Protein backbone atom coordinates (compact mmCIF):
# COMPACT_ATOMS: atom_id res chain seq x y z
CA UNK A 1 0.00 0.00 0.00
CA UNK A 2 1.47 3.35 -1.07
CA UNK A 3 1.51 6.44 1.12
CA UNK A 4 0.85 9.64 -0.80
CA UNK A 5 2.83 12.83 -0.19
CA UNK A 6 -0.10 14.76 1.26
CA UNK A 7 -0.59 12.12 3.94
CA UNK A 8 2.96 12.36 5.25
CA UNK A 9 4.08 15.96 4.79
CA UNK A 10 2.30 16.96 7.99
CA UNK A 11 4.68 14.77 10.02
CA UNK A 12 7.77 16.81 9.12
CA UNK A 13 9.14 18.44 12.26
CA UNK A 14 7.18 16.12 14.54
CA UNK A 15 8.47 13.27 16.72
CA UNK A 16 8.42 9.69 15.45
CA UNK A 17 7.94 6.52 17.50
CA UNK A 18 8.74 2.88 17.09
CA UNK A 19 6.07 0.19 17.29
CA UNK A 20 6.67 -0.12 21.05
CA UNK A 21 5.78 3.52 21.64
CA UNK A 22 9.31 4.80 22.21
CA UNK A 23 10.29 8.15 20.73
CA UNK A 24 13.25 7.71 18.41
CA UNK A 25 13.69 11.18 16.90
CA UNK A 26 12.14 13.87 14.72
CA UNK A 27 11.03 13.72 11.11
CA UNK A 28 13.18 16.21 9.21
CA UNK A 29 12.49 15.22 5.62
CA UNK A 30 10.67 12.92 3.23
CA UNK A 31 11.30 11.73 -0.32
CA UNK A 32 8.76 10.72 -2.98
CA UNK A 33 8.73 8.93 -6.32
CA UNK A 34 7.48 10.39 -9.60
CA UNK A 35 3.91 9.37 -8.72
CA UNK A 36 3.99 11.27 -5.45
CA UNK A 37 4.21 8.15 -3.30
CA UNK A 38 6.50 7.99 -0.29
CA UNK A 39 9.98 6.53 -0.78
CA UNK A 40 11.65 7.20 2.56
CA UNK A 41 11.66 9.33 5.69
CA UNK A 42 14.68 11.03 7.27
CA UNK A 43 14.85 10.95 11.07
CA UNK A 44 17.06 13.12 13.27
CA UNK A 45 17.93 10.83 16.18
CA UNK A 46 19.89 13.44 18.11
CA UNK A 47 23.62 13.80 18.76
CA UNK A 48 24.19 14.52 15.06
CA UNK A 49 22.69 11.16 14.16
CA UNK A 50 20.60 10.90 10.99
CA UNK A 51 18.91 7.79 9.65
CA UNK A 52 16.80 7.19 6.57
CA UNK A 53 13.96 4.68 6.76
CA UNK A 54 12.43 3.11 3.61
CA UNK A 55 8.72 2.96 2.93
CA UNK A 56 8.53 -0.66 4.11
CA UNK A 57 9.34 0.42 7.68
CA UNK A 58 6.82 3.27 7.91
CA UNK A 59 3.32 3.24 9.38
CA UNK A 60 0.94 6.14 9.90
CA UNK A 61 -0.97 5.92 13.18
CA UNK A 62 -3.40 8.84 13.40
CA UNK A 63 -1.14 11.81 14.16
CA UNK A 64 2.04 9.82 14.70
CA UNK A 65 4.57 8.40 12.28
CA UNK A 66 5.57 4.91 13.45
CA UNK A 67 8.71 3.07 12.37
CA UNK A 68 8.97 -0.72 12.20
CA UNK A 69 12.32 -2.10 13.49
CA UNK A 70 14.76 -3.25 10.82
CA UNK A 71 15.02 -6.73 12.35
CA UNK A 72 11.30 -7.30 11.82
CA UNK A 73 11.54 -6.44 8.13
CA UNK A 74 14.64 -8.58 7.62
CA UNK A 75 13.20 -11.66 9.33
CA UNK A 76 9.88 -11.29 7.49
CA UNK A 77 11.71 -11.12 4.15
CA UNK A 78 13.82 -14.15 5.04
CA UNK A 79 10.83 -16.24 6.10
CA UNK A 80 8.95 -15.33 2.92
CA UNK A 81 11.84 -16.20 0.60
CA UNK A 82 12.65 -19.34 2.57
CA UNK A 83 9.06 -20.54 2.29
CA UNK A 84 8.94 -19.87 -1.46
CA UNK A 85 12.23 -21.73 -2.00
CA UNK A 86 11.01 -24.77 -0.08
CA UNK A 87 7.75 -24.88 -2.05
CA UNK A 88 9.65 -24.62 -5.33
CA UNK A 89 11.89 -27.51 -4.38
CA UNK A 90 8.84 -29.58 -3.52
CA UNK A 91 7.14 -28.67 -6.79
CA UNK A 92 10.31 -29.57 -8.70
CA UNK A 93 10.45 -32.91 -6.92
CA UNK A 94 6.84 -33.68 -7.80
CA UNK A 95 7.35 -32.76 -11.46
CA UNK A 96 10.39 -35.00 -11.76
CA UNK A 97 8.64 -37.92 -10.13
CA UNK A 98 5.71 -37.52 -12.52
CA UNK A 99 8.11 -37.17 -15.47
CA UNK A 100 6.56 -33.84 -16.45
CA UNK A 101 9.86 -32.06 -17.10
CA UNK A 102 13.00 -33.19 -18.94
CA UNK A 103 16.20 -33.85 -17.08
CA UNK A 104 18.02 -30.77 -18.34
CA UNK A 105 15.21 -28.51 -17.08
CA UNK A 106 15.38 -30.21 -13.70
CA UNK A 107 19.16 -29.74 -13.56
CA UNK A 108 18.93 -26.04 -14.42
CA UNK A 109 16.17 -25.31 -11.92
CA UNK A 110 17.77 -27.41 -9.23
CA UNK A 111 21.03 -25.46 -9.57
CA UNK A 112 19.17 -22.16 -9.41
CA UNK A 113 17.29 -23.15 -6.27
CA UNK A 114 20.42 -24.50 -4.64
CA UNK A 115 22.10 -21.15 -5.25
CA UNK A 116 19.16 -19.50 -3.53
CA UNK A 117 19.47 -21.98 -0.70
CA UNK A 118 23.15 -21.13 -0.20
CA UNK A 119 22.31 -17.44 -0.02
CA UNK A 120 19.51 -18.17 2.43
CA UNK A 121 21.93 -20.11 4.60
CA UNK A 122 24.15 -17.03 4.84
CA UNK A 123 21.16 -14.80 5.60
CA UNK A 124 20.00 -17.26 8.25
CA UNK A 125 23.39 -17.15 9.96
CA UNK A 126 23.60 -13.35 9.92
CA UNK A 127 20.06 -12.93 11.23
CA UNK A 128 20.66 -15.44 14.00
CA UNK A 129 23.78 -13.58 15.14
CA UNK A 130 22.05 -10.20 14.89
CA UNK A 131 19.03 -11.28 16.94
CA UNK A 132 21.23 -12.96 19.54
CA UNK A 133 23.14 -9.70 20.00
CA UNK A 134 19.88 -7.77 20.23
CA UNK A 135 18.60 -10.01 23.02
CA UNK A 136 21.80 -9.39 24.96
CA UNK A 137 21.68 -5.63 24.35
CA UNK A 138 18.04 -5.40 25.43
CA UNK A 139 18.85 -7.43 28.54
CA UNK A 140 21.67 -5.02 29.43
CA UNK A 141 19.48 -1.98 28.75
CA UNK A 142 16.65 -3.37 30.88
CA UNK A 143 19.02 -4.03 33.78
CA UNK A 144 20.34 -0.46 33.51
CA UNK A 145 16.81 0.93 33.85
CA UNK A 146 16.06 -1.42 36.74
CA UNK A 147 19.19 -0.33 38.61
CA UNK A 148 18.35 3.34 38.10
CA UNK A 149 14.80 2.70 39.31
CA UNK A 150 16.16 0.95 42.39
CA UNK A 151 18.37 3.95 43.23
CA UNK A 152 15.42 6.25 42.65
CA UNK A 153 13.27 4.32 45.11
CA UNK A 154 16.01 4.51 47.76
CA UNK A 155 16.33 8.29 47.32
CA UNK A 156 12.57 8.69 47.52
CA UNK A 157 12.43 6.54 50.62
CA UNK A 158 15.03 8.71 52.34
CA UNK A 159 13.28 11.93 51.33
CA UNK A 160 16.03 13.06 48.94
CA UNK A 161 13.59 13.61 46.08
CA UNK A 162 10.01 14.84 46.09
CA UNK A 163 6.94 12.71 45.50
CA UNK A 164 6.22 14.59 42.27
CA UNK A 165 9.69 14.01 40.85
CA UNK A 166 9.64 10.39 41.95
CA UNK A 167 6.26 9.76 40.35
CA UNK A 168 7.27 11.30 37.00
CA UNK A 169 10.63 9.55 36.72
CA UNK A 170 9.32 6.27 38.08
CA UNK A 171 6.53 6.18 35.49
CA UNK A 172 9.03 6.84 32.70
CA UNK A 173 11.42 4.11 33.87
CA UNK A 174 8.69 1.52 34.37
CA UNK A 175 7.35 2.25 30.89
CA UNK A 176 10.84 1.87 29.42
CA UNK A 177 11.39 -1.43 31.21
CA UNK A 178 8.05 -2.79 30.04
CA UNK A 179 8.70 -1.83 26.41
CA UNK A 180 12.21 -3.27 26.44
CA UNK A 181 11.00 -6.55 27.92
CA UNK A 182 8.28 -6.73 25.29
CA UNK A 183 10.72 -6.24 22.44
CA UNK A 184 13.19 -8.67 23.98
CA UNK A 185 10.50 -11.35 24.17
CA UNK A 186 9.49 -10.79 20.54
CA UNK A 187 13.11 -10.91 19.38
CA UNK A 188 13.72 -14.11 21.36
CA UNK A 189 10.56 -15.72 19.96
CA UNK A 190 11.61 -14.88 16.40
CA UNK A 191 15.12 -16.15 17.09
CA UNK A 192 13.79 -19.46 18.43
CA UNK A 193 11.53 -19.86 15.40
CA UNK A 194 14.37 -18.95 13.06
CA UNK A 195 16.72 -21.51 14.56
CA UNK A 196 14.01 -24.17 14.44
CA UNK A 197 13.18 -23.51 10.78
CA UNK A 198 14.24 -26.31 8.48
CA UNK A 199 16.45 -25.04 5.71
CA UNK A 200 15.20 -25.75 2.18
CA UNK A 201 16.61 -28.77 0.48
CA UNK A 202 15.71 -30.89 -2.50
CA UNK A 203 14.43 -34.32 -1.68
CA UNK A 204 15.55 -35.59 -5.09
CA UNK A 205 19.09 -36.75 -5.09
CA UNK A 206 20.70 -39.39 -7.21
CA UNK A 207 20.14 -42.65 -5.49
CA UNK A 208 23.35 -44.51 -5.27
CA UNK A 209 22.82 -48.20 -5.65
CA UNK A 210 24.83 -50.22 -3.25
CA UNK A 211 25.67 -53.80 -3.87
CA UNK A 212 23.97 -56.16 -1.56
CA UNK A 213 26.52 -58.09 0.29
CA UNK A 214 25.64 -61.60 1.21
CA UNK A 215 25.82 -62.23 4.89
CA UNK A 216 29.26 -63.20 5.85
CA UNK A 217 29.52 -66.84 6.70
CA UNK A 218 31.78 -67.67 9.55
CA UNK A 219 35.05 -68.98 8.24
CA UNK A 220 35.75 -72.39 9.58
CA UNK A 221 39.31 -73.13 10.39
CA UNK A 222 40.63 -76.16 8.58
CA UNK A 223 40.76 -79.18 10.80
CA UNK A 224 44.12 -79.42 12.38
CA UNK A 225 45.92 -82.68 12.08
CA UNK A 226 46.32 -84.41 15.35
CA UNK A 227 49.90 -84.65 16.20
CA UNK A 228 50.96 -88.17 17.26
CA UNK A 229 51.70 -88.35 20.83
CA UNK A 230 55.36 -88.40 21.56
CA UNK A 231 56.48 -91.98 22.10
CA UNK A 232 57.90 -92.51 25.51
CA UNK A 233 61.32 -94.12 25.77
CA UNK A 234 61.19 -97.93 26.11
CA UNK A 235 61.57 -99.29 29.61
CA UNK A 236 64.51 -101.69 29.84
CA UNK A 237 64.16 -104.43 32.44
CA UNK A 238 67.33 -106.20 33.52
CA UNK A 239 66.66 -109.70 34.70
CA UNK A 240 69.23 -111.21 36.99
CA UNK A 241 69.34 -114.99 37.02
CA UNK A 242 69.76 -116.59 40.43
CA UNK A 243 73.16 -118.10 41.05
CA UNK A 244 73.26 -121.86 41.76
C-alpha atoms as a PDB file:
ATOM      1  CA  UNK A   1       0.000   0.000   0.000  1.00  0.00           C
ATOM      2  CA  UNK A   2       1.467   3.350  -1.066  1.00  0.00           C
ATOM      3  CA  UNK A   3       1.508   6.443   1.118  1.00  0.00           C
ATOM      4  CA  UNK A   4       0.852   9.643  -0.798  1.00  0.00           C
ATOM      5  CA  UNK A   5       2.832  12.827  -0.190  1.00  0.00           C
ATOM      6  CA  UNK A   6      -0.100  14.759   1.260  1.00  0.00           C
ATOM      7  CA  UNK A   7      -0.591  12.121   3.940  1.00  0.00           C
ATOM      8  CA  UNK A   8       2.963  12.356   5.250  1.00  0.00           C
ATOM      9  CA  UNK A   9       4.080  15.959   4.794  1.00  0.00           C
ATOM     10  CA  UNK A  10       2.299  16.958   7.994  1.00  0.00           C
ATOM     11  CA  UNK A  11       4.680  14.772  10.022  1.00  0.00           C
ATOM     12  CA  UNK A  12       7.769  16.809   9.122  1.00  0.00           C
ATOM     13  CA  UNK A  13       9.136  18.441  12.262  1.00  0.00           C
ATOM     14  CA  UNK A  14       7.179  16.123  14.541  1.00  0.00           C
ATOM     15  CA  UNK A  15       8.468  13.266  16.717  1.00  0.00           C
ATOM     16  CA  UNK A  16       8.420   9.692  15.447  1.00  0.00           C
ATOM     17  CA  UNK A  17       7.937   6.525  17.500  1.00  0.00           C
ATOM     18  CA  UNK A  18       8.742   2.879  17.088  1.00  0.00           C
ATOM     19  CA  UNK A  19       6.066   0.186  17.292  1.00  0.00           C
ATOM     20  CA  UNK A  20       6.670  -0.118  21.048  1.00  0.00           C
ATOM     21  CA  UNK A  21       5.775   3.516  21.639  1.00  0.00           C
ATOM     22  CA  UNK A  22       9.315   4.795  22.215  1.00  0.00           C
ATOM     23  CA  UNK A  23      10.290   8.146  20.734  1.00  0.00           C
ATOM     24  CA  UNK A  24      13.254   7.712  18.414  1.00  0.00           C
ATOM     25  CA  UNK A  25      13.686  11.182  16.895  1.00  0.00           C
ATOM     26  CA  UNK A  26      12.135  13.872  14.720  1.00  0.00           C
ATOM     27  CA  UNK A  27      11.032  13.716  11.109  1.00  0.00           C
ATOM     28  CA  UNK A  28      13.184  16.209   9.213  1.00  0.00           C
ATOM     29  CA  UNK A  29      12.487  15.220   5.625  1.00  0.00           C
ATOM     30  CA  UNK A  30      10.666  12.924   3.232  1.00  0.00           C
ATOM     31  CA  UNK A  31      11.301  11.734  -0.319  1.00  0.00           C
ATOM     32  CA  UNK A  32       8.757  10.721  -2.983  1.00  0.00           C
ATOM     33  CA  UNK A  33       8.734   8.931  -6.316  1.00  0.00           C
ATOM     34  CA  UNK A  34       7.477  10.390  -9.604  1.00  0.00           C
ATOM     35  CA  UNK A  35       3.909   9.373  -8.719  1.00  0.00           C
ATOM     36  CA  UNK A  36       3.993  11.271  -5.450  1.00  0.00           C
ATOM     37  CA  UNK A  37       4.207   8.149  -3.296  1.00  0.00           C
ATOM     38  CA  UNK A  38       6.499   7.985  -0.285  1.00  0.00           C
ATOM     39  CA  UNK A  39       9.981   6.528  -0.779  1.00  0.00           C
ATOM     40  CA  UNK A  40      11.649   7.195   2.559  1.00  0.00           C
ATOM     41  CA  UNK A  41      11.665   9.334   5.688  1.00  0.00           C
ATOM     42  CA  UNK A  42      14.675  11.032   7.272  1.00  0.00           C
ATOM     43  CA  UNK A  43      14.848  10.954  11.070  1.00  0.00           C
ATOM     44  CA  UNK A  44      17.061  13.122  13.274  1.00  0.00           C
ATOM     45  CA  UNK A  45      17.929  10.833  16.178  1.00  0.00           C
ATOM     46  CA  UNK A  46      19.889  13.441  18.107  1.00  0.00           C
ATOM     47  CA  UNK A  47      23.623  13.796  18.763  1.00  0.00           C
ATOM     48  CA  UNK A  48      24.193  14.522  15.057  1.00  0.00           C
ATOM     49  CA  UNK A  49      22.693  11.156  14.160  1.00  0.00           C
ATOM     50  CA  UNK A  50      20.598  10.897  10.993  1.00  0.00           C
ATOM     51  CA  UNK A  51      18.915   7.788   9.654  1.00  0.00           C
ATOM     52  CA  UNK A  52      16.802   7.189   6.574  1.00  0.00           C
ATOM     53  CA  UNK A  53      13.958   4.681   6.759  1.00  0.00           C
ATOM     54  CA  UNK A  54      12.435   3.109   3.611  1.00  0.00           C
ATOM     55  CA  UNK A  55       8.719   2.962   2.927  1.00  0.00           C
ATOM     56  CA  UNK A  56       8.535  -0.660   4.109  1.00  0.00           C
ATOM     57  CA  UNK A  57       9.336   0.423   7.678  1.00  0.00           C
ATOM     58  CA  UNK A  58       6.818   3.266   7.913  1.00  0.00           C
ATOM     59  CA  UNK A  59       3.324   3.241   9.375  1.00  0.00           C
ATOM     60  CA  UNK A  60       0.941   6.137   9.903  1.00  0.00           C
ATOM     61  CA  UNK A  61      -0.973   5.916  13.182  1.00  0.00           C
ATOM     62  CA  UNK A  62      -3.396   8.838  13.398  1.00  0.00           C
ATOM     63  CA  UNK A  63      -1.143  11.812  14.162  1.00  0.00           C
ATOM     64  CA  UNK A  64       2.041   9.816  14.704  1.00  0.00           C
ATOM     65  CA  UNK A  65       4.567   8.403  12.277  1.00  0.00           C
ATOM     66  CA  UNK A  66       5.566   4.912  13.445  1.00  0.00           C
ATOM     67  CA  UNK A  67       8.712   3.074  12.372  1.00  0.00           C
ATOM     68  CA  UNK A  68       8.974  -0.720  12.203  1.00  0.00           C
ATOM     69  CA  UNK A  69      12.319  -2.098  13.488  1.00  0.00           C
ATOM     70  CA  UNK A  70      14.761  -3.250  10.822  1.00  0.00           C
ATOM     71  CA  UNK A  71      15.020  -6.733  12.352  1.00  0.00           C
ATOM     72  CA  UNK A  72      11.301  -7.299  11.818  1.00  0.00           C
ATOM     73  CA  UNK A  73      11.536  -6.435   8.126  1.00  0.00           C
ATOM     74  CA  UNK A  74      14.637  -8.581   7.617  1.00  0.00           C
ATOM     75  CA  UNK A  75      13.201 -11.655   9.332  1.00  0.00           C
ATOM     76  CA  UNK A  76       9.884 -11.295   7.489  1.00  0.00           C
ATOM     77  CA  UNK A  77      11.711 -11.118   4.146  1.00  0.00           C
ATOM     78  CA  UNK A  78      13.823 -14.152   5.037  1.00  0.00           C
ATOM     79  CA  UNK A  79      10.829 -16.245   6.100  1.00  0.00           C
ATOM     80  CA  UNK A  80       8.951 -15.331   2.925  1.00  0.00           C
ATOM     81  CA  UNK A  81      11.841 -16.202   0.604  1.00  0.00           C
ATOM     82  CA  UNK A  82      12.653 -19.340   2.571  1.00  0.00           C
ATOM     83  CA  UNK A  83       9.061 -20.536   2.289  1.00  0.00           C
ATOM     84  CA  UNK A  84       8.944 -19.873  -1.458  1.00  0.00           C
ATOM     85  CA  UNK A  85      12.226 -21.731  -2.000  1.00  0.00           C
ATOM     86  CA  UNK A  86      11.007 -24.767  -0.077  1.00  0.00           C
ATOM     87  CA  UNK A  87       7.754 -24.876  -2.054  1.00  0.00           C
ATOM     88  CA  UNK A  88       9.647 -24.620  -5.325  1.00  0.00           C
ATOM     89  CA  UNK A  89      11.891 -27.505  -4.375  1.00  0.00           C
ATOM     90  CA  UNK A  90       8.836 -29.579  -3.520  1.00  0.00           C
ATOM     91  CA  UNK A  91       7.139 -28.674  -6.788  1.00  0.00           C
ATOM     92  CA  UNK A  92      10.310 -29.574  -8.699  1.00  0.00           C
ATOM     93  CA  UNK A  93      10.454 -32.913  -6.923  1.00  0.00           C
ATOM     94  CA  UNK A  94       6.844 -33.678  -7.802  1.00  0.00           C
ATOM     95  CA  UNK A  95       7.349 -32.758 -11.459  1.00  0.00           C
ATOM     96  CA  UNK A  96      10.388 -34.999 -11.757  1.00  0.00           C
ATOM     97  CA  UNK A  97       8.638 -37.921 -10.129  1.00  0.00           C
ATOM     98  CA  UNK A  98       5.706 -37.522 -12.518  1.00  0.00           C
ATOM     99  CA  UNK A  99       8.108 -37.171 -15.473  1.00  0.00           C
ATOM    100  CA  UNK A 100       6.559 -33.844 -16.450  1.00  0.00           C
ATOM    101  CA  UNK A 101       9.862 -32.064 -17.099  1.00  0.00           C
ATOM    102  CA  UNK A 102      12.997 -33.194 -18.944  1.00  0.00           C
ATOM    103  CA  UNK A 103      16.196 -33.850 -17.079  1.00  0.00           C
ATOM    104  CA  UNK A 104      18.024 -30.769 -18.344  1.00  0.00           C
ATOM    105  CA  UNK A 105      15.211 -28.509 -17.076  1.00  0.00           C
ATOM    106  CA  UNK A 106      15.382 -30.208 -13.703  1.00  0.00           C
ATOM    107  CA  UNK A 107      19.159 -29.740 -13.565  1.00  0.00           C
ATOM    108  CA  UNK A 108      18.927 -26.041 -14.419  1.00  0.00           C
ATOM    109  CA  UNK A 109      16.170 -25.312 -11.925  1.00  0.00           C
ATOM    110  CA  UNK A 110      17.771 -27.414  -9.229  1.00  0.00           C
ATOM    111  CA  UNK A 111      21.031 -25.461  -9.573  1.00  0.00           C
ATOM    112  CA  UNK A 112      19.169 -22.163  -9.410  1.00  0.00           C
ATOM    113  CA  UNK A 113      17.285 -23.154  -6.270  1.00  0.00           C
ATOM    114  CA  UNK A 114      20.423 -24.502  -4.635  1.00  0.00           C
ATOM    115  CA  UNK A 115      22.105 -21.151  -5.248  1.00  0.00           C
ATOM    116  CA  UNK A 116      19.160 -19.495  -3.526  1.00  0.00           C
ATOM    117  CA  UNK A 117      19.469 -21.984  -0.700  1.00  0.00           C
ATOM    118  CA  UNK A 118      23.146 -21.133  -0.199  1.00  0.00           C
ATOM    119  CA  UNK A 119      22.306 -17.436  -0.023  1.00  0.00           C
ATOM    120  CA  UNK A 120      19.509 -18.167   2.430  1.00  0.00           C
ATOM    121  CA  UNK A 121      21.934 -20.114   4.599  1.00  0.00           C
ATOM    122  CA  UNK A 122      24.154 -17.031   4.837  1.00  0.00           C
ATOM    123  CA  UNK A 123      21.161 -14.799   5.603  1.00  0.00           C
ATOM    124  CA  UNK A 124      19.998 -17.256   8.254  1.00  0.00           C
ATOM    125  CA  UNK A 125      23.390 -17.150   9.963  1.00  0.00           C
ATOM    126  CA  UNK A 126      23.603 -13.349   9.921  1.00  0.00           C
ATOM    127  CA  UNK A 127      20.060 -12.932  11.228  1.00  0.00           C
ATOM    128  CA  UNK A 128      20.658 -15.435  14.005  1.00  0.00           C
ATOM    129  CA  UNK A 129      23.776 -13.584  15.138  1.00  0.00           C
ATOM    130  CA  UNK A 130      22.055 -10.197  14.889  1.00  0.00           C
ATOM    131  CA  UNK A 131      19.033 -11.276  16.935  1.00  0.00           C
ATOM    132  CA  UNK A 132      21.230 -12.960  19.536  1.00  0.00           C
ATOM    133  CA  UNK A 133      23.140  -9.703  19.998  1.00  0.00           C
ATOM    134  CA  UNK A 134      19.881  -7.769  20.229  1.00  0.00           C
ATOM    135  CA  UNK A 135      18.602 -10.013  23.022  1.00  0.00           C
ATOM    136  CA  UNK A 136      21.802  -9.392  24.963  1.00  0.00           C
ATOM    137  CA  UNK A 137      21.679  -5.631  24.351  1.00  0.00           C
ATOM    138  CA  UNK A 138      18.040  -5.400  25.433  1.00  0.00           C
ATOM    139  CA  UNK A 139      18.853  -7.428  28.541  1.00  0.00           C
ATOM    140  CA  UNK A 140      21.667  -5.019  29.427  1.00  0.00           C
ATOM    141  CA  UNK A 141      19.476  -1.978  28.750  1.00  0.00           C
ATOM    142  CA  UNK A 142      16.654  -3.365  30.881  1.00  0.00           C
ATOM    143  CA  UNK A 143      19.022  -4.030  33.778  1.00  0.00           C
ATOM    144  CA  UNK A 144      20.343  -0.457  33.508  1.00  0.00           C
ATOM    145  CA  UNK A 145      16.812   0.929  33.845  1.00  0.00           C
ATOM    146  CA  UNK A 146      16.057  -1.418  36.739  1.00  0.00           C
ATOM    147  CA  UNK A 147      19.191  -0.334  38.614  1.00  0.00           C
ATOM    148  CA  UNK A 148      18.346   3.336  38.099  1.00  0.00           C
ATOM    149  CA  UNK A 149      14.800   2.700  39.310  1.00  0.00           C
ATOM    150  CA  UNK A 150      16.159   0.953  42.388  1.00  0.00           C
ATOM    151  CA  UNK A 151      18.368   3.946  43.228  1.00  0.00           C
ATOM    152  CA  UNK A 152      15.419   6.249  42.651  1.00  0.00           C
ATOM    153  CA  UNK A 153      13.272   4.317  45.115  1.00  0.00           C
ATOM    154  CA  UNK A 154      16.008   4.510  47.760  1.00  0.00           C
ATOM    155  CA  UNK A 155      16.326   8.289  47.323  1.00  0.00           C
ATOM    156  CA  UNK A 156      12.565   8.692  47.518  1.00  0.00           C
ATOM    157  CA  UNK A 157      12.427   6.537  50.621  1.00  0.00           C
ATOM    158  CA  UNK A 158      15.031   8.708  52.339  1.00  0.00           C
ATOM    159  CA  UNK A 159      13.278  11.929  51.330  1.00  0.00           C
ATOM    160  CA  UNK A 160      16.033  13.061  48.942  1.00  0.00           C
ATOM    161  CA  UNK A 161      13.587  13.605  46.078  1.00  0.00           C
ATOM    162  CA  UNK A 162      10.007  14.836  46.093  1.00  0.00           C
ATOM    163  CA  UNK A 163       6.940  12.714  45.497  1.00  0.00           C
ATOM    164  CA  UNK A 164       6.221  14.589  42.270  1.00  0.00           C
ATOM    165  CA  UNK A 165       9.691  14.010  40.852  1.00  0.00           C
ATOM    166  CA  UNK A 166       9.643  10.385  41.950  1.00  0.00           C
ATOM    167  CA  UNK A 167       6.258   9.760  40.346  1.00  0.00           C
ATOM    168  CA  UNK A 168       7.273  11.300  36.998  1.00  0.00           C
ATOM    169  CA  UNK A 169      10.635   9.553  36.719  1.00  0.00           C
ATOM    170  CA  UNK A 170       9.315   6.266  38.083  1.00  0.00           C
ATOM    171  CA  UNK A 171       6.530   6.178  35.494  1.00  0.00           C
ATOM    172  CA  UNK A 172       9.030   6.841  32.704  1.00  0.00           C
ATOM    173  CA  UNK A 173      11.417   4.110  33.874  1.00  0.00           C
ATOM    174  CA  UNK A 174       8.690   1.515  34.368  1.00  0.00           C
ATOM    175  CA  UNK A 175       7.352   2.246  30.889  1.00  0.00           C
ATOM    176  CA  UNK A 176      10.839   1.871  29.422  1.00  0.00           C
ATOM    177  CA  UNK A 177      11.393  -1.434  31.208  1.00  0.00           C
ATOM    178  CA  UNK A 178       8.046  -2.788  30.042  1.00  0.00           C
ATOM    179  CA  UNK A 179       8.701  -1.827  26.409  1.00  0.00           C
ATOM    180  CA  UNK A 180      12.215  -3.274  26.441  1.00  0.00           C
ATOM    181  CA  UNK A 181      11.004  -6.546  27.923  1.00  0.00           C
ATOM    182  CA  UNK A 182       8.275  -6.733  25.291  1.00  0.00           C
ATOM    183  CA  UNK A 183      10.723  -6.238  22.436  1.00  0.00           C
ATOM    184  CA  UNK A 184      13.193  -8.675  23.985  1.00  0.00           C
ATOM    185  CA  UNK A 185      10.496 -11.353  24.166  1.00  0.00           C
ATOM    186  CA  UNK A 186       9.495 -10.790  20.542  1.00  0.00           C
ATOM    187  CA  UNK A 187      13.107 -10.914  19.375  1.00  0.00           C
ATOM    188  CA  UNK A 188      13.718 -14.111  21.358  1.00  0.00           C
ATOM    189  CA  UNK A 189      10.563 -15.724  19.955  1.00  0.00           C
ATOM    190  CA  UNK A 190      11.610 -14.876  16.399  1.00  0.00           C
ATOM    191  CA  UNK A 191      15.125 -16.150  17.086  1.00  0.00           C
ATOM    192  CA  UNK A 192      13.790 -19.456  18.434  1.00  0.00           C
ATOM    193  CA  UNK A 193      11.532 -19.857  15.402  1.00  0.00           C
ATOM    194  CA  UNK A 194      14.367 -18.951  13.057  1.00  0.00           C
ATOM    195  CA  UNK A 195      16.717 -21.511  14.555  1.00  0.00           C
ATOM    196  CA  UNK A 196      14.012 -24.173  14.436  1.00  0.00           C
ATOM    197  CA  UNK A 197      13.181 -23.508  10.785  1.00  0.00           C
ATOM    198  CA  UNK A 198      14.243 -26.306   8.478  1.00  0.00           C
ATOM    199  CA  UNK A 199      16.454 -25.038   5.712  1.00  0.00           C
ATOM    200  CA  UNK A 200      15.200 -25.747   2.180  1.00  0.00           C
ATOM    201  CA  UNK A 201      16.615 -28.766   0.479  1.00  0.00           C
ATOM    202  CA  UNK A 202      15.708 -30.888  -2.498  1.00  0.00           C
ATOM    203  CA  UNK A 203      14.427 -34.316  -1.677  1.00  0.00           C
ATOM    204  CA  UNK A 204      15.545 -35.590  -5.094  1.00  0.00           C
ATOM    205  CA  UNK A 205      19.086 -36.745  -5.085  1.00  0.00           C
ATOM    206  CA  UNK A 206      20.704 -39.387  -7.211  1.00  0.00           C
ATOM    207  CA  UNK A 207      20.143 -42.653  -5.495  1.00  0.00           C
ATOM    208  CA  UNK A 208      23.348 -44.514  -5.272  1.00  0.00           C
ATOM    209  CA  UNK A 209      22.824 -48.197  -5.646  1.00  0.00           C
ATOM    210  CA  UNK A 210      24.829 -50.216  -3.255  1.00  0.00           C
ATOM    211  CA  UNK A 211      25.675 -53.805  -3.874  1.00  0.00           C
ATOM    212  CA  UNK A 212      23.965 -56.158  -1.564  1.00  0.00           C
ATOM    213  CA  UNK A 213      26.523 -58.090   0.292  1.00  0.00           C
ATOM    214  CA  UNK A 214      25.644 -61.599   1.212  1.00  0.00           C
ATOM    215  CA  UNK A 215      25.817 -62.228   4.889  1.00  0.00           C
ATOM    216  CA  UNK A 216      29.263 -63.199   5.851  1.00  0.00           C
ATOM    217  CA  UNK A 217      29.525 -66.837   6.704  1.00  0.00           C
ATOM    218  CA  UNK A 218      31.777 -67.673   9.555  1.00  0.00           C
ATOM    219  CA  UNK A 219      35.052 -68.982   8.240  1.00  0.00           C
ATOM    220  CA  UNK A 220      35.753 -72.389   9.581  1.00  0.00           C
ATOM    221  CA  UNK A 221      39.311 -73.132  10.389  1.00  0.00           C
ATOM    222  CA  UNK A 222      40.631 -76.165   8.578  1.00  0.00           C
ATOM    223  CA  UNK A 223      40.758 -79.178  10.799  1.00  0.00           C
ATOM    224  CA  UNK A 224      44.116 -79.416  12.376  1.00  0.00           C
ATOM    225  CA  UNK A 225      45.921 -82.679  12.078  1.00  0.00           C
ATOM    226  CA  UNK A 226      46.324 -84.405  15.346  1.00  0.00           C
ATOM    227  CA  UNK A 227      49.896 -84.652  16.198  1.00  0.00           C
ATOM    228  CA  UNK A 228      50.961 -88.166  17.259  1.00  0.00           C
ATOM    229  CA  UNK A 229      51.695 -88.347  20.827  1.00  0.00           C
ATOM    230  CA  UNK A 230      55.357 -88.399  21.562  1.00  0.00           C
ATOM    231  CA  UNK A 231      56.475 -91.983  22.098  1.00  0.00           C
ATOM    232  CA  UNK A 232      57.895 -92.506  25.509  1.00  0.00           C
ATOM    233  CA  UNK A 233      61.323 -94.115  25.772  1.00  0.00           C
ATOM    234  CA  UNK A 234      61.188 -97.933  26.114  1.00  0.00           C
ATOM    235  CA  UNK A 235      61.569 -99.291  29.609  1.00  0.00           C
ATOM    236  CA  UNK A 236      64.505-101.691  29.839  1.00  0.00           C
ATOM    237  CA  UNK A 237      64.162-104.426  32.436  1.00  0.00           C
ATOM    238  CA  UNK A 238      67.330-106.195  33.517  1.00  0.00           C
ATOM    239  CA  UNK A 239      66.658-109.695  34.704  1.00  0.00           C
ATOM    240  CA  UNK A 240      69.230-111.209  36.990  1.00  0.00           C
ATOM    241  CA  UNK A 241      69.340-114.986  37.018  1.00  0.00           C
ATOM    242  CA  UNK A 242      69.758-116.592  40.433  1.00  0.00           C
ATOM    243  CA  UNK A 243      73.163-118.097  41.052  1.00  0.00           C
ATOM    244  CA  UNK A 244      73.258-121.865  41.763  1.00  0.00           C
END
